[in-house]
PDB file of N, CA and C in Angstrom:
ATOM      1  N   MET A   1     -64.430 137.821 124.527  1.00  0.00           N
ATOM      2  CA  MET A   1     -63.728 136.686 124.474  1.00  0.00           C
ATOM      3  C   MET A   1     -62.286 137.122 125.027  1.00  0.00           C
ATOM      4  N   ILE A   2     -61.931 138.409 124.568  1.00  0.00           N
ATOM      5  CA  ILE A   2     -60.432 138.747 124.703  1.00  0.00           C
ATOM      6  C   ILE A   2     -60.223 138.950 126.307  1.00  0.00           C
ATOM      7  N   THR A   3     -61.346 139.246 126.901  1.00  0.00           N
ATOM      8  CA  THR A   3     -61.119 139.489 128.405  1.00  0.00           C
ATOM      9  C   THR A   3     -61.030 138.211 129.061  1.00  0.00           C
ATOM     10  N   GLU A   4     -61.766 137.068 128.496  1.00  0.00           N
ATOM     11  CA  GLU A   4     -61.511 135.804 129.132  1.00  0.00           C
ATOM     12  C   GLU A   4     -60.106 135.242 128.861  1.00  0.00           C
ATOM     13  N   ILE A   5     -59.533 135.578 127.782  1.00  0.00           N
ATOM     14  CA  ILE A   5     -58.285 135.125 127.228  1.00  0.00           C
ATOM     15  C   ILE A   5     -57.251 135.858 128.197  1.00  0.00           C
ATOM     16  N   GLY A   6     -57.411 137.020 128.441  1.00  0.00           N
ATOM     17  CA  GLY A   6     -56.581 137.804 129.387  1.00  0.00           C
ATOM     18  C   GLY A   6     -56.612 137.306 130.744  1.00  0.00           C
ATOM     19  N   PHE A   7     -57.727 136.893 131.256  1.00  0.00           N
ATOM     20  CA  PHE A   7     -57.842 136.333 132.683  1.00  0.00           C
ATOM     21  C   PHE A   7     -57.109 135.065 132.858  1.00  0.00           C
ATOM     22  N   VAL A   8     -57.410 134.160 131.758  1.00  0.00           N
ATOM     23  CA  VAL A   8     -56.701 132.891 131.638  1.00  0.00           C
ATOM     24  C   VAL A   8     -55.113 132.976 131.596  1.00  0.00           C
ATOM     25  N   ALA A   9     -54.670 134.041 130.797  1.00  0.00           N
ATOM     26  CA  ALA A   9     -53.289 134.268 130.595  1.00  0.00           C
ATOM     27  C   ALA A   9     -52.555 134.705 132.111  1.00  0.00           C
ATOM     28  N   GLY A  10     -53.636 135.438 132.893  1.00  0.00           N
ATOM     29  CA  GLY A  10     -52.947 135.781 134.214  1.00  0.00           C
ATOM     30  C   GLY A  10     -52.956 134.555 135.085  1.00  0.00           C
ATOM     31  N   ASP A  11     -53.978 133.550 134.938  1.00  0.00           N
ATOM     32  CA  ASP A  11     -54.021 132.240 135.718  1.00  0.00           C
ATOM     33  C   ASP A  11     -52.741 131.570 135.349  1.00  0.00           C
ATOM     34  N   ILE A  12     -52.349 131.389 134.081  1.00  0.00           N
ATOM     35  CA  ILE A  12     -51.108 130.762 133.541  1.00  0.00           C
ATOM     36  C   ILE A  12     -49.888 131.290 134.203  1.00  0.00           C
ATOM     37  N   TRP A  13     -49.879 132.684 134.234  1.00  0.00           N
ATOM     38  CA  TRP A  13     -48.610 133.306 134.645  1.00  0.00           C
ATOM     39  C   TRP A  13     -48.397 133.231 136.014  1.00  0.00           C
ATOM     40  N   ASN A  14     -49.524 133.219 136.905  1.00  0.00           N
ATOM     41  CA  ASN A  14     -49.420 133.003 138.381  1.00  0.00           C
ATOM     42  C   ASN A  14     -49.018 131.505 138.739  1.00  0.00           C
ATOM     43  N   TYR A  15     -49.711 130.500 137.888  1.00  0.00           N
ATOM     44  CA  TYR A  15     -49.353 129.266 137.891  1.00  0.00           C
ATOM     45  C   TYR A  15     -47.990 128.797 137.777  1.00  0.00           C
ATOM     46  N   LEU A  16     -47.280 129.264 136.725  1.00  0.00           N
ATOM     47  CA  LEU A  16     -46.010 129.023 136.310  1.00  0.00           C
ATOM     48  C   LEU A  16     -44.916 129.799 137.312  1.00  0.00           C
ATOM     49  N   ASP A  17     -45.411 131.018 137.749  1.00  0.00           N
ATOM     50  CA  ASP A  17     -44.603 131.772 138.758  1.00  0.00           C
ATOM     51  C   ASP A  17     -44.414 130.848 140.199  1.00  0.00           C
ATOM     52  N   LYS A  18     -45.570 130.140 140.359  1.00  0.00           N
ATOM     53  CA  LYS A  18     -45.562 129.362 141.650  1.00  0.00           C
ATOM     54  C   LYS A  18     -44.975 128.107 141.573  1.00  0.00           C
ATOM     55  N   HIS A  19     -45.253 127.312 140.312  1.00  0.00           N
ATOM     56  CA  HIS A  19     -44.734 126.058 140.169  1.00  0.00           C
ATOM     57  C   HIS A  19     -43.478 125.620 139.538  1.00  0.00           C
ATOM     58  N   GLY A  20     -43.059 126.841 138.376  1.00  0.00           N
ATOM     59  CA  GLY A  20     -42.050 126.663 137.693  1.00  0.00           C
ATOM     60  C   GLY A  20     -42.369 125.940 136.504  1.00  0.00           C
ATOM     61  N   GLU A  21     -41.315 125.370 135.728  1.00  0.00           N
ATOM     62  CA  GLU A  21     -41.693 124.685 134.634  1.00  0.00           C
ATOM     63  C   GLU A  21     -42.612 123.386 134.772  1.00  0.00           C
ATOM     64  N   THR A  22     -43.730 123.134 133.816  1.00  0.00           N
ATOM     65  CA  THR A  22     -44.481 122.193 133.983  1.00  0.00           C
ATOM     66  C   THR A  22     -44.870 121.778 132.624  1.00  0.00           C
ATOM     67  N   SER A  23     -45.690 120.682 132.681  1.00  0.00           N
ATOM     68  CA  SER A  23     -46.144 120.154 131.288  1.00  0.00           C
ATOM     69  C   SER A  23     -47.471 121.003 131.061  1.00  0.00           C
ATOM     70  N   PHE A  24     -47.765 120.948 129.791  1.00  0.00           N
ATOM     71  CA  PHE A  24     -49.041 121.817 129.498  1.00  0.00           C
ATOM     72  C   PHE A  24     -50.344 121.114 130.014  1.00  0.00           C
ATOM     73  N   LEU A  25     -50.266 119.791 129.781  1.00  0.00           N
ATOM     74  CA  LEU A  25     -51.472 118.965 130.117  1.00  0.00           C
ATOM     75  C   LEU A  25     -51.802 119.065 131.556  1.00  0.00           C
ATOM     76  N   LYS A  26     -50.784 119.183 132.372  1.00  0.00           N
ATOM     77  CA  LYS A  26     -50.863 119.103 133.855  1.00  0.00           C
ATOM     78  C   LYS A  26     -51.274 120.509 134.194  1.00  0.00           C
ATOM     79  N   MET A  27     -50.867 121.477 133.606  1.00  0.00           N
ATOM     80  CA  MET A  27     -51.189 122.852 133.837  1.00  0.00           C
ATOM     81  C   MET A  27     -52.654 123.142 133.520  1.00  0.00           C
ATOM     82  N   VAL A  28     -53.178 122.430 132.325  1.00  0.00           N
ATOM     83  CA  VAL A  28     -54.488 122.691 131.920  1.00  0.00           C
ATOM     84  C   VAL A  28     -55.460 122.172 133.034  1.00  0.00           C
ATOM     85  N   LYS A  29     -54.977 120.890 133.635  1.00  0.00           N
ATOM     86  CA  LYS A  29     -55.697 120.233 134.630  1.00  0.00           C
ATOM     87  C   LYS A  29     -55.863 121.046 135.956  1.00  0.00           C
ATOM     88  N   ASP A  30     -54.723 121.463 136.246  1.00  0.00           N
ATOM     89  CA  ASP A  30     -54.645 122.104 137.428  1.00  0.00           C
ATOM     90  C   ASP A  30     -55.234 123.508 137.560  1.00  0.00           C
ATOM     91  N   ILE A  31     -55.172 124.349 136.329  1.00  0.00           N
ATOM     92  CA  ILE A  31     -56.037 125.445 136.294  1.00  0.00           C
ATOM     93  C   ILE A  31     -57.420 125.466 136.013  1.00  0.00           C
ATOM     94  N   ASP A  32     -57.806 124.256 135.645  1.00  0.00           N
ATOM     95  CA  ASP A  32     -59.217 123.991 135.433  1.00  0.00           C
ATOM     96  C   ASP A  32     -60.008 124.916 134.565  1.00  0.00           C
ATOM     97  N   LYS A  33     -59.477 125.175 133.320  1.00  0.00           N
ATOM     98  CA  LYS A  33     -60.182 125.975 132.480  1.00  0.00           C
ATOM     99  C   LYS A  33     -60.198 125.278 131.172  1.00  0.00           C
ATOM    100  N   PRO A  34     -61.155 125.549 130.174  1.00  0.00           N
ATOM    101  CA  PRO A  34     -61.165 124.739 128.975  1.00  0.00           C
ATOM    102  C   PRO A  34     -59.804 124.889 128.190  1.00  0.00           C
ATOM    103  N   LYS A  35     -59.429 123.748 127.610  1.00  0.00           N
ATOM    104  CA  LYS A  35     -58.231 123.624 126.955  1.00  0.00           C
ATOM    105  C   LYS A  35     -58.086 124.439 125.918  1.00  0.00           C
ATOM    106  N   ASP A  36     -59.024 124.845 124.953  1.00  0.00           N
ATOM    107  CA  ASP A  36     -58.802 125.612 123.978  1.00  0.00           C
ATOM    108  C   ASP A  36     -58.539 127.239 124.376  1.00  0.00           C
ATOM    109  N   LEU A  37     -59.217 127.496 125.461  1.00  0.00           N
ATOM    110  CA  LEU A  37     -59.013 128.834 125.995  1.00  0.00           C
ATOM    111  C   LEU A  37     -57.629 128.935 126.673  1.00  0.00           C
ATOM    112  N   THR A  38     -57.239 127.816 127.170  1.00  0.00           N
ATOM    113  CA  THR A  38     -55.893 127.723 127.746  1.00  0.00           C
ATOM    114  C   THR A  38     -54.814 128.100 126.669  1.00  0.00           C
ATOM    115  N   LEU A  39     -55.004 127.151 125.444  1.00  0.00           N
ATOM    116  CA  LEU A  39     -54.160 127.236 124.498  1.00  0.00           C
ATOM    117  C   LEU A  39     -54.217 128.845 123.786  1.00  0.00           C
ATOM    118  N   MET A  40     -55.216 129.497 123.711  1.00  0.00           N
ATOM    119  CA  MET A  40     -55.275 130.738 123.134  1.00  0.00           C
ATOM    120  C   MET A  40     -54.431 131.742 124.164  1.00  0.00           C
ATOM    121  N   SER A  41     -54.672 131.629 125.408  1.00  0.00           N
ATOM    122  CA  SER A  41     -53.955 132.405 126.347  1.00  0.00           C
ATOM    123  C   SER A  41     -52.463 132.126 126.388  1.00  0.00           C
ATOM    124  N   LEU A  42     -52.160 130.951 126.189  1.00  0.00           N
ATOM    125  CA  LEU A  42     -50.701 130.482 126.259  1.00  0.00           C
ATOM    126  C   LEU A  42     -50.032 131.193 124.973  1.00  0.00           C
ATOM    127  N   GLY A  43     -50.804 131.102 123.966  1.00  0.00           N
ATOM    128  CA  GLY A  43     -50.200 131.552 122.598  1.00  0.00           C
ATOM    129  C   GLY A  43     -50.018 133.179 122.756  1.00  0.00           C
ATOM    130  N   TRP A  44     -50.968 133.746 123.359  1.00  0.00           N
ATOM    131  CA  TRP A  44     -50.978 135.221 123.774  1.00  0.00           C
ATOM    132  C   TRP A  44     -49.476 135.590 124.371  1.00  0.00           C
ATOM    133  N   LEU A  45     -49.302 134.876 125.487  1.00  0.00           N
ATOM    134  CA  LEU A  45     -48.215 134.987 126.392  1.00  0.00           C
ATOM    135  C   LEU A  45     -46.967 134.649 125.782  1.00  0.00           C
ATOM    136  N   ALA A  46     -46.986 133.561 124.785  1.00  0.00           N
ATOM    137  CA  ALA A  46     -45.817 133.207 124.034  1.00  0.00           C
ATOM    138  C   ALA A  46     -45.377 134.284 123.013  1.00  0.00           C
ATOM    139  N   ARG A  47     -46.490 134.904 122.360  1.00  0.00           N
ATOM    140  CA  ARG A  47     -46.232 135.863 121.375  1.00  0.00           C
ATOM    141  C   ARG A  47     -45.636 137.097 121.934  1.00  0.00           C
ATOM    142  N   GLU A  48     -46.074 137.324 123.015  1.00  0.00           N
ATOM    143  CA  GLU A  48     -45.522 138.633 123.956  1.00  0.00           C
ATOM    144  C   GLU A  48     -44.084 138.275 124.509  1.00  0.00           C
ATOM    145  N   GLY A  49     -43.590 137.075 124.343  1.00  0.00           N
ATOM    146  CA  GLY A  49     -42.252 136.784 124.999  1.00  0.00           C
ATOM    147  C   GLY A  49     -42.133 136.530 126.359  1.00  0.00           C
ATOM    148  N   HIS A  50     -43.428 136.345 126.937  1.00  0.00           N
ATOM    149  CA  HIS A  50     -43.462 136.042 128.508  1.00  0.00           C
ATOM    150  C   HIS A  50     -43.169 134.520 128.748  1.00  0.00           C
ATOM    151  N   VAL A  51     -43.456 133.547 127.918  1.00  0.00           N
ATOM    152  CA  VAL A  51     -43.231 132.065 128.176  1.00  0.00           C
ATOM    153  C   VAL A  51     -42.508 131.379 127.107  1.00  0.00           C
ATOM    154  N   GLU A  52     -41.749 130.275 127.590  1.00  0.00           N
ATOM    155  CA  GLU A  52     -41.106 129.503 126.639  1.00  0.00           C
ATOM    156  C   GLU A  52     -42.041 128.237 126.432  1.00  0.00           C
ATOM    157  N   VAL A  53     -42.234 127.656 125.186  1.00  0.00           N
ATOM    158  CA  VAL A  53     -42.935 126.429 125.044  1.00  0.00           C
ATOM    159  C   VAL A  53     -41.875 125.463 124.242  1.00  0.00           C
ATOM    160  N   VAL A  54     -41.887 124.313 124.767  1.00  0.00           N
ATOM    161  CA  VAL A  54     -40.970 123.339 124.051  1.00  0.00           C
ATOM    162  C   VAL A  54     -41.710 122.034 124.005  1.00  0.00           C
ATOM    163  N   ARG A  55     -41.668 121.328 122.741  1.00  0.00           N
ATOM    164  CA  ARG A  55     -42.459 120.050 122.577  1.00  0.00           C
ATOM    165  C   ARG A  55     -41.824 119.118 123.646  1.00  0.00           C
ATOM    166  N   SER A  56     -42.656 118.346 124.264  1.00  0.00           N
ATOM    167  CA  SER A  56     -42.243 117.317 125.220  1.00  0.00           C
ATOM    168  C   SER A  56     -42.964 116.070 124.941  1.00  0.00           C
ATOM    169  N   GLY A  57     -42.541 115.118 124.097  1.00  0.00           N
ATOM    170  CA  GLY A  57     -43.254 114.003 123.747  1.00  0.00           C
ATOM    171  C   GLY A  57     -44.130 114.308 122.707  1.00  0.00           C
ATOM    172  N   ARG A  58     -44.999 113.416 122.195  1.00  0.00           N
ATOM    173  CA  ARG A  58     -45.760 113.458 121.181  1.00  0.00           C
ATOM    174  C   ARG A  58     -47.038 114.374 121.348  1.00  0.00           C
ATOM    175  N   ASN A  59     -47.535 114.443 122.517  1.00  0.00           N
ATOM    176  CA  ASN A  59     -48.826 115.049 122.682  1.00  0.00           C
ATOM    177  C   ASN A  59     -48.720 116.106 123.731  1.00  0.00           C
ATOM    178  N   ASP A  60     -47.570 116.620 124.187  1.00  0.00           N
ATOM    179  CA  ASP A  60     -47.418 117.514 125.303  1.00  0.00           C
ATOM    180  C   ASP A  60     -46.445 118.496 125.009  1.00  0.00           C
ATOM    181  N   PHE A  61     -46.235 119.529 125.940  1.00  0.00           N
ATOM    182  CA  PHE A  61     -45.263 120.533 125.846  1.00  0.00           C
ATOM    183  C   PHE A  61     -44.846 120.879 127.210  1.00  0.00           C
ATOM    184  N   LYS A  62     -43.618 121.456 127.365  1.00  0.00           N
ATOM    185  CA  LYS A  62     -42.953 122.048 128.627  1.00  0.00           C
ATOM    186  C   LYS A  62     -43.302 123.530 128.441  1.00  0.00           C
ATOM    187  N   VAL A  63     -43.824 124.202 129.494  1.00  0.00           N
ATOM    188  CA  VAL A  63     -44.002 125.556 129.508  1.00  0.00           C
ATOM    189  C   VAL A  63     -43.341 126.209 130.756  1.00  0.00           C
ATOM    190  N   LYS A  64     -42.682 127.241 130.647  1.00  0.00           N
ATOM    191  CA  LYS A  64     -42.021 127.891 131.627  1.00  0.00           C
ATOM    192  C   LYS A  64     -42.003 129.502 131.392  1.00  0.00           C
ATOM    193  N   LEU A  65     -41.958 130.336 132.431  1.00  0.00           N
ATOM    194  CA  LEU A  65     -41.750 131.679 132.356  1.00  0.00           C
ATOM    195  C   LEU A  65     -40.337 131.889 131.790  1.00  0.00           C
ATOM    196  N   ARG A  66     -40.391 132.947 130.924  1.00  0.00           N
ATOM    197  CA  ARG A  66     -38.949 133.262 130.206  1.00  0.00           C
ATOM    198  C   ARG A  66     -38.175 134.037 131.448  1.00  0.00           C
ATOM    199  N   ASN A  67     -36.766 133.792 131.523  1.00  0.00           N
ATOM    200  CA  ASN A  67     -36.147 134.447 132.373  1.00  0.00           C
ATOM    201  C   ASN A  67     -36.136 135.989 131.996  1.00  0.00           C
ATOM    202  N   ARG A  68     -36.137 136.845 132.907  1.00  0.00           N
ATOM    203  CA  ARG A  68     -36.219 138.384 132.627  1.00  0.00           C
ATOM    204  C   ARG A  68     -34.927 138.868 132.704  1.00  0.00           C
TER     205      ARG A  68
END
């Protein structure tokens, strides 16, 4: 499972690098991976300080890569 989380984390990284800040729900749709796996991967990236996640509305979040 950790390998799958890592691969999806890479997908998230590449998506954000290409598209910039986006909504979580749009990213999940565009990446086309299970929502729970995408959440785990996003959590991993957030914990390591690679992404910023900010609530946007009641059921969504804005996600972007952190400035290096």
